[in-house]
C-alpha atoms as a PDB file:
ATOM      1  CA  MET A   1      34.409  25.669  -7.068  1.00  0.00           C
ATOM      2  CA  LYS A   2      32.659  28.842  -5.933  1.00  0.00           C
ATOM      3  CA  ASP A   3      31.659  29.540  -9.523  1.00  0.00           C
ATOM      4  CA  ILE A   4      29.997  26.109  -9.784  1.00  0.00           C
ATOM      5  CA  GLN A   5      28.143  26.629  -6.510  1.00  0.00           C
ATOM      6  CA  LEU A   6      26.999  30.088  -7.657  1.00  0.00           C
ATOM      7  CA  LYS A   7      25.769  28.717 -10.954  1.00  0.00           C
ATOM      8  CA  SER A   8      23.905  25.967  -9.137  1.00  0.00           C
ATOM      9  CA  VAL A   9      22.196  28.453  -6.832  1.00  0.00           C
ATOM     10  CA  GLU A  10      21.146  30.662  -9.727  1.00  0.00           C
ATOM     11  CA  PHE A  11      20.030  27.668 -11.760  1.00  0.00           C
ATOM     12  CA  ARG A  12      17.968  26.345  -8.844  1.00  0.00           C
ATOM     13  CA  ASN A  13      16.391  29.721  -8.062  1.00  0.00           C
ATOM     14  CA  GLU A  14      15.210  30.137 -11.649  1.00  0.00           C
ATOM     15  CA  ARG A  15      13.511  26.749 -11.824  1.00  0.00           C
ATOM     16  CA  GLN A  16      12.774  25.516  -8.315  1.00  0.00           C
ATOM     17  CA  GLU A  17       9.122  26.608  -8.424  1.00  0.00           C
ATOM     18  CA  ASP A  18       8.550  24.303 -11.375  1.00  0.00           C
ATOM     19  CA  TRP A  19      10.395  21.491  -9.615  1.00  0.00           C
ATOM     20  CA  ALA A  20       8.346  22.040  -6.462  1.00  0.00           C
ATOM     21  CA  GLU A  21       5.157  21.872  -8.507  1.00  0.00           C
ATOM     22  CA  LEU A  22       6.327  18.626 -10.141  1.00  0.00           C
ATOM     23  CA  GLU A  23       7.095  17.189  -6.693  1.00  0.00           C
ATOM     24  CA  HIS A  24       3.592  18.095  -5.587  1.00  0.00           C
ATOM     25  CA  LEU A  25       2.019  16.418  -8.625  1.00  0.00           C
ATOM     26  CA  ILE A  26       4.125  13.299  -8.132  1.00  0.00           C
ATOM     27  CA  SER A  27       3.094  13.110  -4.471  1.00  0.00           C
ATOM     28  CA  GLU A  28      -0.568  13.344  -5.482  1.00  0.00           C
ATOM     29  CA  ALA A  29      -0.075  10.601  -8.044  1.00  0.00           C
ATOM     30  CA  GLU A  30       1.639   8.393  -5.456  1.00  0.00           C
ATOM     31  CA  LYS A  31      -1.195   8.896  -2.978  1.00  0.00           C
ATOM     32  CA  HIS A  32      -4.207   8.637  -5.257  1.00  0.00           C
ATOM     33  CA  GLY A  33      -2.925   7.287  -8.575  1.00  0.00           C
ATOM     34  CA  LEU A  34      -3.412   9.055 -11.887  1.00  0.00           C
ATOM     35  CA  GLY A  35      -7.056   7.978 -11.894  1.00  0.00           C
ATOM     36  CA  GLY A  36      -7.654   9.786  -8.600  1.00  0.00           C
ATOM     37  CA  MET A  37      -6.156  13.114  -9.719  1.00  0.00           C
ATOM     38  CA  LYS A  38      -7.905  16.057 -11.316  1.00  0.00           C
ATOM     39  CA  ALA A  39      -7.787  16.061 -15.100  1.00  0.00           C
ATOM     40  CA  ARG A  40      -5.989  19.429 -15.048  1.00  0.00           C
ATOM     41  CA  ASP A  41      -3.212  18.061 -12.813  1.00  0.00           C
ATOM     42  CA  VAL A  42      -2.820  14.954 -14.948  1.00  0.00           C
ATOM     43  CA  ALA A  43      -2.383  17.147 -18.019  1.00  0.00           C
ATOM     44  CA  ARG A  44       0.214  19.329 -16.261  1.00  0.00           C
ATOM     45  CA  LEU A  45       2.326  16.391 -15.050  1.00  0.00           C
ATOM     46  CA  PRO A  46       4.024  15.616 -18.420  1.00  0.00           C
ATOM     47  CA  VAL A  47       4.668  19.334 -19.004  1.00  0.00           C
ATOM     48  CA  PHE A  48       6.605  19.722 -15.768  1.00  0.00           C
ATOM     49  CA  TYR A  49       8.266  16.356 -16.330  1.00  0.00           C
ATOM     50  CA  ARG A  50       9.666  17.465 -19.681  1.00  0.00           C
ATOM     51  CA  ALA A  51      10.817  20.739 -18.124  1.00  0.00           C
ATOM     52  CA  ALA A  52      12.638  18.798 -15.395  1.00  0.00           C
ATOM     53  CA  LEU A  53      14.293  16.593 -18.035  1.00  0.00           C
ATOM     54  CA  SER A  54      15.459  19.717 -19.832  1.00  0.00           C
ATOM     55  CA  SER A  55      16.844  21.105 -16.565  1.00  0.00           C
ATOM     56  CA  LEU A  56      18.671  17.840 -15.919  1.00  0.00           C
ATOM     57  CA  SER A  57      20.196  17.923 -19.397  1.00  0.00           C
ATOM     58  CA  VAL A  58      21.423  21.486 -18.926  1.00  0.00           C
ATOM     59  CA  ALA A  59      22.738  20.731 -15.446  1.00  0.00           C
ATOM     60  CA  ARG A  60      24.799  17.853 -16.810  1.00  0.00           C
ATOM     61  CA  ALA A  61      26.086  19.912 -19.728  1.00  0.00           C
ATOM     62  CA  ILE A  62      27.420  22.753 -17.562  1.00  0.00           C
ATOM     63  CA  SER A  63      28.638  20.374 -14.822  1.00  0.00           C
ATOM     64  CA  LEU A  64      26.651  21.707 -11.894  1.00  0.00           C
ATOM     65  CA  ASP A  65      27.173  20.294  -8.409  1.00  0.00           C
ATOM     66  CA  ALA A  66      26.495  16.614  -7.721  1.00  0.00           C
ATOM     67  CA  ASN A  67      23.719  17.247  -5.182  1.00  0.00           C
ATOM     68  CA  LEU A  68      21.632  19.169  -7.687  1.00  0.00           C
ATOM     69  CA  LEU A  69      22.186  16.512 -10.360  1.00  0.00           C
ATOM     70  CA  GLN A  70      21.131  13.749  -7.986  1.00  0.00           C
ATOM     71  CA  TYR A  71      18.018  15.691  -6.946  1.00  0.00           C
ATOM     72  CA  LEU A  72      16.945  16.189 -10.560  1.00  0.00           C
ATOM     73  CA  GLU A  73      17.643  12.565 -11.485  1.00  0.00           C
ATOM     74  CA  ASN A  74      15.523  11.318  -8.585  1.00  0.00           C
ATOM     75  CA  LEU A  75      12.748  13.760  -9.446  1.00  0.00           C
ATOM     76  CA  CYS A  76      12.680  12.706 -13.105  1.00  0.00           C
ATOM     77  CA  ASN A  77      12.767   9.005 -12.189  1.00  0.00           C
ATOM     78  CA  ARG A  78       9.824   9.391  -9.830  1.00  0.00           C
ATOM     79  CA  ALA A  79       7.845  11.239 -12.485  1.00  0.00           C
ATOM     80  CA  PHE A  80       8.654   8.628 -15.112  1.00  0.00           C
ATOM     81  CA  ILE A  81       7.512   5.771 -12.867  1.00  0.00           C
ATOM     82  CA  ARG A  82       4.267   7.562 -12.058  1.00  0.00           C
ATOM     83  CA  MET A  83       3.529   8.372 -15.696  1.00  0.00           C
ATOM     84  CA  TYR A  84       4.715   5.269 -17.523  1.00  0.00           C
ATOM     85  CA  GLY A  85       5.414   2.576 -14.959  1.00  0.00           C
ATOM     86  CA  VAL A  86       2.842  -0.201 -14.550  1.00  0.00           C
ATOM     87  CA  ARG A  87       2.111  -0.606 -10.859  1.00  0.00           C
ATOM     88  CA  HIS A  88      -0.390  -3.166  -9.687  1.00  0.00           C
ATOM     89  CA  HIS A  89      -1.016  -4.561  -6.262  1.00  0.00           C
ATOM     90  CA  LEU A  90      -0.767  -8.320  -5.828  1.00  0.00           C
ATOM     91  CA  GLY A  91      -4.525  -8.507  -5.346  1.00  0.00           C
ATOM     92  CA  GLU A  92      -5.145  -6.683  -8.632  1.00  0.00           C
ATOM     93  CA  VAL A  93      -2.783  -9.021 -10.470  1.00  0.00           C
ATOM     94  CA  PHE A  94      -4.522 -12.081  -8.993  1.00  0.00           C
ATOM     95  CA  ILE A  95      -8.004 -10.804  -9.819  1.00  0.00           C
ATOM     96  CA  GLY A  96      -6.900  -9.890 -13.334  1.00  0.00           C
ATOM     97  CA  PHE A  97      -5.473 -13.364 -13.822  1.00  0.00           C
ATOM     98  CA  ILE A  98      -8.639 -15.086 -12.607  1.00  0.00           C
ATOM     99  CA  THR A  99     -11.120 -12.860 -14.423  1.00  0.00           C
ATOM    100  CA  ARG A 100      -9.244 -12.289 -17.703  1.00  0.00           C
ATOM    101  CA  ARG A 101      -5.952 -14.032 -18.409  1.00  0.00           C
ATOM    102  CA  PHE A 102      -6.764 -17.597 -17.378  1.00  0.00           C
ATOM    103  CA  PRO A 103     -10.092 -18.024 -19.229  1.00  0.00           C
ATOM    104  CA  GLY A 104      -8.737 -16.013 -22.156  1.00  0.00           C
ATOM    105  CA  GLU A 105      -5.759 -18.311 -22.646  1.00  0.00           C
ATOM    106  CA  VAL A 106      -8.009 -21.367 -22.397  1.00  0.00           C
ATOM    107  CA  ARG A 107     -10.155 -19.961 -25.207  1.00  0.00           C
ATOM    108  CA  ARG A 108      -7.065 -19.271 -27.289  1.00  0.00           C
ATOM    109  CA  PHE A 109      -6.216 -22.990 -27.286  1.00  0.00           C
ATOM    110  CA  LYS A 110      -9.809 -24.271 -27.388  1.00  0.00           C
ATOM    111  CA  TRP A 111      -9.172 -26.763 -30.211  1.00  0.00           C
ATOM    112  CA  LEU A 112      -6.235 -28.257 -28.347  1.00  0.00           C
ATOM    113  CA  MET A 113      -8.465 -28.514 -25.270  1.00  0.00           C
ATOM    114  CA  LEU A 114     -10.922 -30.485 -27.401  1.00  0.00           C
ATOM    115  CA  ILE A 115      -8.139 -32.881 -28.472  1.00  0.00           C
ATOM    116  CA  SER A 116      -7.223 -33.326 -24.807  1.00  0.00           C
ATOM    117  CA  LEU A 117     -10.859 -34.086 -23.949  1.00  0.00           C
ATOM    118  CA  LEU A 118     -11.061 -36.634 -26.749  1.00  0.00           C
ATOM    119  CA  ALA A 119      -7.887 -38.407 -25.550  1.00  0.00           C
ATOM    120  CA  PHE A 120      -9.266 -38.669 -21.999  1.00  0.00           C
ATOM    121  CA  SER A 121     -12.712 -39.779 -23.234  1.00  0.00           C
ATOM    122  CA  LEU A 122     -11.174 -42.425 -25.493  1.00  0.00           C
ATOM    123  CA  GLY A 123      -9.320 -43.849 -22.487  1.00  0.00           C
ATOM    124  CA  MET A 124     -12.545 -43.919 -20.471  1.00  0.00           C
ATOM    125  CA  ALA A 125     -14.385 -45.751 -23.235  1.00  0.00           C
ATOM    126  CA  VAL A 126     -11.645 -48.347 -23.679  1.00  0.00           C
ATOM    127  CA  GLY A 127     -11.333 -48.934 -19.914  1.00  0.00           C
ATOM    128  CA  TYR A 128     -15.078 -49.325 -19.527  1.00  0.00           C
ATOM    129  CA  VAL A 129     -15.395 -51.817 -22.373  1.00  0.00           C
ATOM    130  CA  GLN A 130     -12.406 -53.861 -21.231  1.00  0.00           C
ATOM    131  CA  VAL A 131     -13.770 -54.376 -17.715  1.00  0.00           C
ATOM    132  CA  ILE A 132     -17.302 -55.045 -18.943  1.00  0.00           C
ATOM    133  CA  GLN A 133     -15.914 -57.802 -21.161  1.00  0.00           C
ATOM    134  CA  ASP A 134     -13.634 -59.276 -18.482  1.00  0.00           C
ATOM    135  CA  ALA A 135     -13.644 -58.056 -14.871  1.00  0.00           C
ATOM    136  CA  ASP A 136     -10.082 -59.318 -14.371  1.00  0.00           C
ATOM    137  CA  ASN A 137      -8.867 -56.581 -16.716  1.00  0.00           C
ATOM    138  CA  TYR A 138      -9.620 -54.192 -13.858  1.00  0.00           C
ATOM    139  CA  TYR A 139      -6.434 -55.274 -12.092  1.00  0.00           C
ATOM    140  CA  LEU A 140      -4.393 -54.396 -15.185  1.00  0.00           C
ATOM    141  CA  LEU A 141      -5.908 -50.950 -15.600  1.00  0.00           C
ATOM    142  CA  VAL A 142      -6.284 -49.615 -12.042  1.00  0.00           C
ATOM    143  CA  SER A 143      -3.346 -49.430  -9.646  1.00  0.00           C
ATOM    144  CA  ASN A 144      -3.741 -50.754  -6.101  1.00  0.00           C
ATOM    145  CA  ALA A 145      -3.100 -47.292  -4.643  1.00  0.00           C
ATOM    146  CA  LEU A 146      -5.878 -45.769  -6.705  1.00  0.00           C
ATOM    147  CA  ALA A 147      -8.289 -48.677  -6.224  1.00  0.00           C
ATOM    148  CA  ASP A 148      -7.840 -48.548  -2.434  1.00  0.00           C
ATOM    149  CA  GLY A 149      -9.732 -51.812  -1.969  1.00  0.00           C
ATOM    150  CA  ARG A 150     -12.358 -51.120  -4.607  1.00  0.00           C
ATOM    151  CA  ASN A 151     -11.857 -54.037  -6.978  1.00  0.00           C
ATOM    152  CA  PRO A 152     -13.822 -57.002  -8.336  1.00  0.00           C
ATOM    153  CA  GLY A 153     -12.943 -58.964  -5.197  1.00  0.00           C
ATOM    154  CA  ALA A 154     -14.816 -56.512  -2.938  1.00  0.00           C
ATOM    155  CA  SER A 155     -18.457 -57.151  -2.048  1.00  0.00           C
ATOM    156  CA  THR A 156     -21.211 -54.906  -3.374  1.00  0.00           C
ATOM    157  CA  GLU A 157     -21.880 -53.727   0.186  1.00  0.00           C
ATOM    158  CA  ASP A 158     -18.230 -52.687   0.605  1.00  0.00           C
ATOM    159  CA  LEU A 159     -18.219 -50.865  -2.716  1.00  0.00           C
ATOM    160  CA  ARG A 160     -21.350 -48.990  -1.733  1.00  0.00           C
ATOM    161  CA  ALA A 161     -19.909 -48.156   1.692  1.00  0.00           C
ATOM    162  CA  PHE A 162     -17.027 -46.371  -0.023  1.00  0.00           C
ATOM    163  CA  LEU A 163     -19.494 -44.039  -1.682  1.00  0.00           C
ATOM    164  CA  TYR A 164     -21.361 -43.034   1.467  1.00  0.00           C
ATOM    165  CA  ASP A 165     -18.791 -43.406   4.274  1.00  0.00           C
ATOM    166  CA  GLU A 166     -21.121 -45.741   6.152  1.00  0.00           C
ATOM    167  CA  ASP A 167     -18.215 -47.030   8.241  1.00  0.00           C
ATOM    168  CA  SER A 168     -16.192 -44.529  10.330  1.00  0.00           C
ATOM    169  CA  SER A 169     -12.986 -46.370   9.513  1.00  0.00           C
ATOM    170  CA  ILE A 170     -13.796 -46.067   5.808  1.00  0.00           C
ATOM    171  CA  GLY A 171     -14.454 -42.363   6.273  1.00  0.00           C
ATOM    172  CA  SER A 172     -11.007 -41.930   7.780  1.00  0.00           C
ATOM    173  CA  ALA A 173      -9.458 -43.942   4.957  1.00  0.00           C
ATOM    174  CA  LEU A 174     -11.290 -41.825   2.391  1.00  0.00           C
ATOM    175  CA  SER A 175      -9.804 -38.650   3.836  1.00  0.00           C
ATOM    176  CA  LEU A 176      -6.356 -40.082   3.201  1.00  0.00           C
ATOM    177  CA  PHE A 177      -7.463 -41.280  -0.212  1.00  0.00           C
ATOM    178  CA  ALA A 178      -8.794 -37.809  -1.088  1.00  0.00           C
ATOM    179  CA  SER A 179      -5.400 -36.341  -0.212  1.00  0.00           C
ATOM    180  CA  PHE A 180      -3.678 -38.971  -2.352  1.00  0.00           C
ATOM    181  CA  LEU A 181      -6.042 -38.376  -5.273  1.00  0.00           C
ATOM    182  CA  PHE A 182      -5.528 -34.604  -5.124  1.00  0.00           C
ATOM    183  CA  THR A 183      -1.747 -35.030  -5.145  1.00  0.00           C
ATOM    184  CA  HIS A 184      -1.917 -37.641  -7.898  1.00  0.00           C
ATOM    185  CA  ASN A 185      -4.136 -35.582 -10.193  1.00  0.00           C
ATOM    186  CA  THR A 186      -2.131 -32.406  -9.629  1.00  0.00           C
ATOM    187  CA  GLN A 187       1.045 -34.257 -10.578  1.00  0.00           C
ATOM    188  CA  VAL A 188      -0.640 -35.701 -13.656  1.00  0.00           C
ATOM    189  CA  GLY A 189      -1.831 -32.238 -14.702  1.00  0.00           C
ATOM    190  CA  ILE A 190       1.596 -30.644 -14.323  1.00  0.00           C
ATOM    191  CA  LEU A 191       3.236 -33.565 -16.146  1.00  0.00           C
ATOM    192  CA  CYS A 192       0.776 -33.168 -19.015  1.00  0.00           C
ATOM    193  CA  PHE A 193       2.019 -29.614 -19.440  1.00  0.00           C
ATOM    194  CA  ALA A 194       5.696 -30.254 -18.804  1.00  0.00           C
ATOM    195  CA  LEU A 195       5.959 -33.202 -21.225  1.00  0.00           C
ATOM    196  CA  GLY A 196       4.333 -31.351 -24.093  1.00  0.00           C
ATOM    197  CA  PHE A 197       7.759 -30.601 -25.571  1.00  0.00           C
ATOM    198  CA  ALA A 198       8.083 -34.327 -26.446  1.00  0.00           C
ATOM    199  CA  LEU A 199       5.764 -33.751 -29.443  1.00  0.00           C
ATOM    200  CA  GLY A 200       2.681 -34.386 -27.284  1.00  0.00           C
ATOM    201  CA  LEU A 201       2.978 -38.181 -27.166  1.00  0.00           C
ATOM    202  CA  PRO A 202       3.463 -38.432 -23.358  1.00  0.00           C
ATOM    203  CA  VAL A 203       0.548 -36.019 -22.943  1.00  0.00           C
ATOM    204  CA  PHE A 204      -1.754 -38.295 -24.916  1.00  0.00           C
ATOM    205  CA  TYR A 205      -0.507 -41.300 -22.907  1.00  0.00           C
ATOM    206  CA  LEU A 206      -1.178 -39.640 -19.542  1.00  0.00           C
ATOM    207  CA  LEU A 207      -4.649 -38.483 -20.555  1.00  0.00           C
ATOM    208  CA  PHE A 208      -5.525 -41.866 -22.056  1.00  0.00           C
ATOM    209  CA  THR A 209      -4.323 -43.910 -19.066  1.00  0.00           C
ATOM    210  CA  ASN A 210      -6.130 -41.705 -16.561  1.00  0.00           C
ATOM    211  CA  GLY A 211      -9.275 -42.075 -18.629  1.00  0.00           C
ATOM    212  CA  LEU A 212      -8.698 -45.852 -18.641  1.00  0.00           C
ATOM    213  CA  MET A 213      -8.703 -45.975 -14.839  1.00  0.00           C
ATOM    214  CA  LEU A 214     -11.855 -43.920 -14.482  1.00  0.00           C
ATOM    215  CA  GLY A 215     -13.661 -45.944 -17.158  1.00  0.00           C
ATOM    216  CA  ALA A 216     -12.603 -49.213 -15.534  1.00  0.00           C
ATOM    217  CA  MET A 217     -13.849 -48.088 -12.142  1.00  0.00           C
ATOM    218  CA  GLY A 218     -17.121 -46.927 -13.664  1.00  0.00           C
ATOM    219  CA  ALA A 219     -17.573 -50.349 -15.272  1.00  0.00           C
ATOM    220  CA  LEU A 220     -16.951 -52.112 -11.940  1.00  0.00           C
ATOM    221  CA  TYR A 221     -19.694 -50.118 -10.221  1.00  0.00           C
ATOM    222  CA  HIS A 222     -21.999 -50.568 -13.201  1.00  0.00           C
ATOM    223  CA  GLN A 223     -21.670 -54.349 -12.893  1.00  0.00           C
ATOM    224  CA  ARG A 224     -22.771 -54.079  -9.272  1.00  0.00           C
ATOM    225  CA  GLY A 225     -25.780 -51.884 -10.104  1.00  0.00           C
ATOM    226  CA  LEU A 226     -24.214 -48.792  -8.508  1.00  0.00           C
ATOM    227  CA  SER A 227     -23.641 -46.550 -11.539  1.00  0.00           C
ATOM    228  CA  LEU A 228     -25.961 -43.805 -10.313  1.00  0.00           C
ATOM    229  CA  GLU A 229     -24.330 -43.757  -6.901  1.00  0.00           C
ATOM    230  CA  PHE A 230     -20.784 -43.932  -8.292  1.00  0.00           C
ATOM    231  CA  TRP A 231     -21.115 -41.000 -10.682  1.00  0.00           C
ATOM    232  CA  GLY A 232     -22.932 -39.015  -8.012  1.00  0.00           C
ATOM    233  CA  TRP A 233     -19.860 -39.588  -5.848  1.00  0.00           C
ATOM    234  CA  ILE A 234     -17.357 -38.702  -8.602  1.00  0.00           C
ATOM    235  CA  LEU A 235     -18.900 -35.776 -10.442  1.00  0.00           C
ATOM    236  CA  PRO A 236     -19.221 -33.028  -7.765  1.00  0.00           C
ATOM    237  CA  HIS A 237     -15.449 -32.767  -7.495  1.00  0.00           C
ATOM    238  CA  GLY A 238     -14.692 -34.622 -10.743  1.00  0.00           C
ATOM    239  CA  ILE A 239     -16.133 -31.927 -13.002  1.00  0.00           C
ATOM    240  CA  THR A 240     -13.500 -29.514 -11.675  1.00  0.00           C
ATOM    241  CA  GLU A 241     -10.669 -32.008 -11.189  1.00  0.00           C
ATOM    242  CA  ILE A 242     -10.976 -33.840 -14.493  1.00  0.00           C
ATOM    243  CA  GLY A 243     -11.557 -30.527 -16.232  1.00  0.00           C
ATOM    244  CA  ALA A 244      -8.259 -29.251 -14.829  1.00  0.00           C
ATOM    245  CA  ILE A 245      -6.435 -32.360 -16.096  1.00  0.00           C
ATOM    246  CA  ILE A 246      -7.910 -31.826 -19.551  1.00  0.00           C
ATOM    247  CA  LEU A 247      -6.874 -28.156 -19.552  1.00  0.00           C
ATOM    248  CA  CYS A 248      -3.335 -29.132 -18.555  1.00  0.00           C
ATOM    249  CA  GLY A 249      -3.355 -31.647 -21.383  1.00  0.00           C
ATOM    250  CA  GLY A 250      -4.372 -28.894 -23.794  1.00  0.00           C
ATOM    251  CA  ALA A 251      -1.504 -26.755 -22.462  1.00  0.00           C
ATOM    252  CA  GLY A 252       0.880 -29.638 -23.152  1.00  0.00           C
ATOM    253  CA  PHE A 253      -0.460 -29.997 -26.693  1.00  0.00           C
ATOM    254  CA  ALA A 254       0.135 -26.248 -27.141  1.00  0.00           C
ATOM    255  CA  LEU A 255       3.853 -26.835 -26.541  1.00  0.00           C
ATOM    256  CA  ALA A 256       3.811 -29.724 -29.007  1.00  0.00           C
ATOM    257  CA  GLN A 257       2.069 -27.575 -31.604  1.00  0.00           C
ATOM    258  CA  ALA A 258       4.704 -24.864 -31.200  1.00  0.00           C
ATOM    259  CA  LEU A 259       7.428 -27.391 -32.013  1.00  0.00           C
ATOM    260  CA  VAL A 260       5.695 -29.277 -34.819  1.00  0.00           C
ATOM    261  CA  PHE A 261       4.182 -26.204 -36.531  1.00  0.00           C
ATOM    262  CA  PRO A 262       6.532 -23.290 -35.766  1.00  0.00           C
ATOM    263  CA  GLY A 263       5.244 -21.080 -38.579  1.00  0.00           C
ATOM    264  CA  ARG A 264       7.459 -18.149 -39.519  1.00  0.00           C
ATOM    265  CA  SER A 265       9.248 -18.046 -36.167  1.00  0.00           C
ATOM    266  CA  SER A 266      11.971 -20.429 -35.088  1.00  0.00           C
ATOM    267  CA  ARG A 267      10.944 -23.411 -33.001  1.00  0.00           C
ATOM    268  CA  LEU A 268      12.636 -22.010 -29.896  1.00  0.00           C
ATOM    269  CA  GLU A 269      10.919 -18.637 -30.279  1.00  0.00           C
ATOM    270  CA  ASN A 270       7.573 -20.279 -30.872  1.00  0.00           C
ATOM    271  CA  LEU A 271       8.084 -22.611 -27.903  1.00  0.00           C
ATOM    272  CA  ALA A 272       8.948 -19.680 -25.627  1.00  0.00           C
ATOM    273  CA  THR A 273       5.799 -17.799 -26.642  1.00  0.00           C
ATOM    274  CA  ALA A 274       3.527 -20.836 -26.352  1.00  0.00           C
ATOM    275  CA  GLY A 275       5.200 -21.843 -23.077  1.00  0.00           C
ATOM    276  CA  LYS A 276       4.327 -18.541 -21.421  1.00  0.00           C
ATOM    277  CA  ARG A 277       0.685 -18.793 -22.397  1.00  0.00           C
ATOM    278  CA  ALA A 278       0.340 -22.502 -21.662  1.00  0.00           C
ATOM    279  CA  GLY A 279       2.112 -21.970 -18.333  1.00  0.00           C
ATOM    280  CA  LEU A 280      -0.618 -19.518 -17.312  1.00  0.00           C
ATOM    281  CA  ILE A 281      -3.221 -22.205 -18.009  1.00  0.00           C
ATOM    282  CA  THR A 282      -1.341 -24.701 -15.848  1.00  0.00           C
ATOM    283  CA  LEU A 283      -1.045 -22.140 -13.051  1.00  0.00           C
ATOM    284  CA  GLY A 284      -4.794 -21.594 -13.175  1.00  0.00           C
ATOM    285  CA  CYS A 285      -5.361 -25.349 -13.103  1.00  0.00           C
ATOM    286  CA  VAL A 286      -3.511 -25.572  -9.794  1.00  0.00           C
ATOM    287  CA  LEU A 287      -6.271 -23.364  -8.371  1.00  0.00           C
ATOM    288  CA  LEU A 288      -8.885 -25.663  -9.912  1.00  0.00           C
ATOM    289  CA  PHE A 289      -7.235 -28.680  -8.270  1.00  0.00           C
ATOM    290  CA  ALA A 290      -7.389 -26.835  -4.939  1.00  0.00           C
ATOM    291  CA  VAL A 291     -11.115 -26.145  -5.405  1.00  0.00           C
ATOM    292  CA  ALA A 292     -11.707 -29.796  -6.305  1.00  0.00           C
ATOM    293  CA  GLY A 293      -9.724 -30.860  -3.244  1.00  0.00           C
ATOM    294  CA  LEU A 294     -11.977 -28.782  -0.977  1.00  0.00           C
ATOM    295  CA  ILE A 295     -15.095 -30.316  -2.509  1.00  0.00           C
ATOM    296  CA  GLU A 296     -13.602 -33.772  -2.235  1.00  0.00           C
ATOM    297  CA  GLY A 297     -12.406 -33.333   1.321  1.00  0.00           C
ATOM    298  CA  PHE A 298     -15.519 -31.739   2.832  1.00  0.00           C
ATOM    299  CA  PHE A 299     -18.642 -31.775   0.676  1.00  0.00           C
ATOM    300  CA  ARG A 300     -18.381 -35.392  -0.430  1.00  0.00           C
ATOM    301  CA  GLN A 301     -17.851 -36.608   3.124  1.00  0.00           C
ATOM    302  CA  MET A 302     -20.736 -34.572   4.528  1.00  0.00           C
ATOM    303  CA  VAL A 303     -23.411 -34.934   1.816  1.00  0.00           C
ATOM    304  CA  HIS A 304     -24.826 -38.391   1.064  1.00  0.00           C
ATOM    305  CA  SER A 305     -27.872 -37.357  -0.956  1.00  0.00           C
ATOM    306  CA  ASP A 306     -27.570 -38.359  -4.616  1.00  0.00           C
ATOM    307  CA  LEU A 307     -29.906 -35.532  -5.630  1.00  0.00           C
ATOM    308  CA  ILE A 308     -27.748 -32.908  -3.953  1.00  0.00           C
ATOM    309  CA  ARG A 309     -24.572 -34.450  -5.363  1.00  0.00           C
ATOM    310  CA  TYR A 310     -25.905 -34.342  -8.922  1.00  0.00           C
ATOM    311  CA  THR A 311     -27.230 -30.814  -8.385  1.00  0.00           C
ATOM    312  CA  VAL A 312     -23.784 -29.632  -7.310  1.00  0.00           C
ATOM    313  CA  ALA A 313     -22.184 -31.454 -10.251  1.00  0.00           C
ATOM    314  CA  GLY A 314     -24.602 -29.821 -12.686  1.00  0.00           C
ATOM    315  CA  PHE A 315     -23.994 -26.415 -11.157  1.00  0.00           C
ATOM    316  CA  SER A 316     -20.236 -26.912 -11.462  1.00  0.00           C
ATOM    317  CA  LEU A 317     -20.533 -27.900 -15.112  1.00  0.00           C
ATOM    318  CA  VAL A 318     -22.655 -24.868 -15.989  1.00  0.00           C
ATOM    319  CA  MET A 319     -20.524 -22.479 -13.918  1.00  0.00           C
ATOM    320  CA  TRP A 320     -17.195 -23.573 -15.457  1.00  0.00           C
ATOM    321  CA  GLY A 321     -18.736 -23.640 -18.927  1.00  0.00           C
ATOM    322  CA  LEU A 322     -19.906 -20.040 -18.610  1.00  0.00           C
ATOM    323  CA  TYR A 323     -16.638 -18.973 -16.994  1.00  0.00           C
ATOM    324  CA  PHE A 324     -14.396 -20.301 -19.731  1.00  0.00           C
ATOM    325  CA  SER A 325     -16.773 -19.183 -22.489  1.00  0.00           C
ATOM    326  CA  LEU A 326     -17.510 -15.643 -21.352  1.00  0.00           C
ATOM    327  CA  ALA A 327     -15.078 -14.419 -18.685  1.00  0.00           C
ATOM    328  CA  GLY A 328     -12.367 -11.946 -19.596  1.00  0.00           C
ATOM    329  CA  ASP A 329     -11.698  -9.649 -22.492  1.00  0.00           C
ATOM    330  CA  LYS A 330     -11.179 -11.693 -25.636  1.00  0.00           C
ATOM    331  CA  GLY A 331      -9.416  -8.853 -27.375  1.00  0.00           C
ATOM    332  CA  LYS A 332      -6.655  -8.747 -24.786  1.00  0.00           C
ATOM    333  CA  ASN A 333      -5.714 -12.314 -25.524  1.00  0.00           C
ATOM    334  CA  GLU A 334      -5.313 -12.009 -29.255  1.00  0.00           C
ATOM    335  CA  PRO A 335      -1.787 -12.302 -30.620  1.00  0.00           C
ATOM    336  CA  HIS A 336       0.065  -9.046 -31.154  1.00  0.00           C
END
């Protein structure tokens, strides 16, 4: 026992200056990060790390005391984490997701996003035509909860009042309706993603039926001469909200594509890979739904000017177009 302790003391005395220097470098890295250290210290860190690994190997081979072994193991682990471990604060991860990952993944599946847009637009066109041809079709296409009193049986004055909150009781009802619409659209978006594994058919159905409802409602207001007012009411929050639904639809089609066209990988492997990327898109869309909810809950209730409403809608369209076209590093989102 005394021989082991003596060996440990001698072993420590010969190398403890190097270990102390490594501890100092690790402490600097923990305080300031590798980017905040001097270039000379960054270069010395791996040298002392390898020396500590060598010391640990020797200490294990000659069975030195447990305290010394534990000290060296902890020292080497700390150095390894500082040199090779990826450490990001939550804020950095969030900013990286917003500025790079989310728009990058959307661009990766841009053709599937186009298919999703076409499915929604086709539903809008069919719903519009059906109600223009026969107003009673409105009741078949738009649920009572979504219509919230806006149907062919309502007077033109009542339909217009919904757009401008001219009645305080209507304003209160619209706040509840905005909450319902946010919840409804968020659920639709998540379902579009989640049901993609069923070869994309439920995704197409959800996109098409939601387009049907919007087209039918647009036709109702057009028949009453309120098209300009209706789209001015819809578009400020609708650009973001409908856009999020379409992106979720594209994410769902990405899952379907992974199953139908697996390529060289197995279907399960392809689905797992596509699911991770499409899941990031859906996560980003939840943030878009939240932004749309804020616009819907505050801006729309406070601003009654059609000019301002269309200005905000146009700004939203340009802003999201530039964001999804240009934001992020395209190279980081290419397949490895």
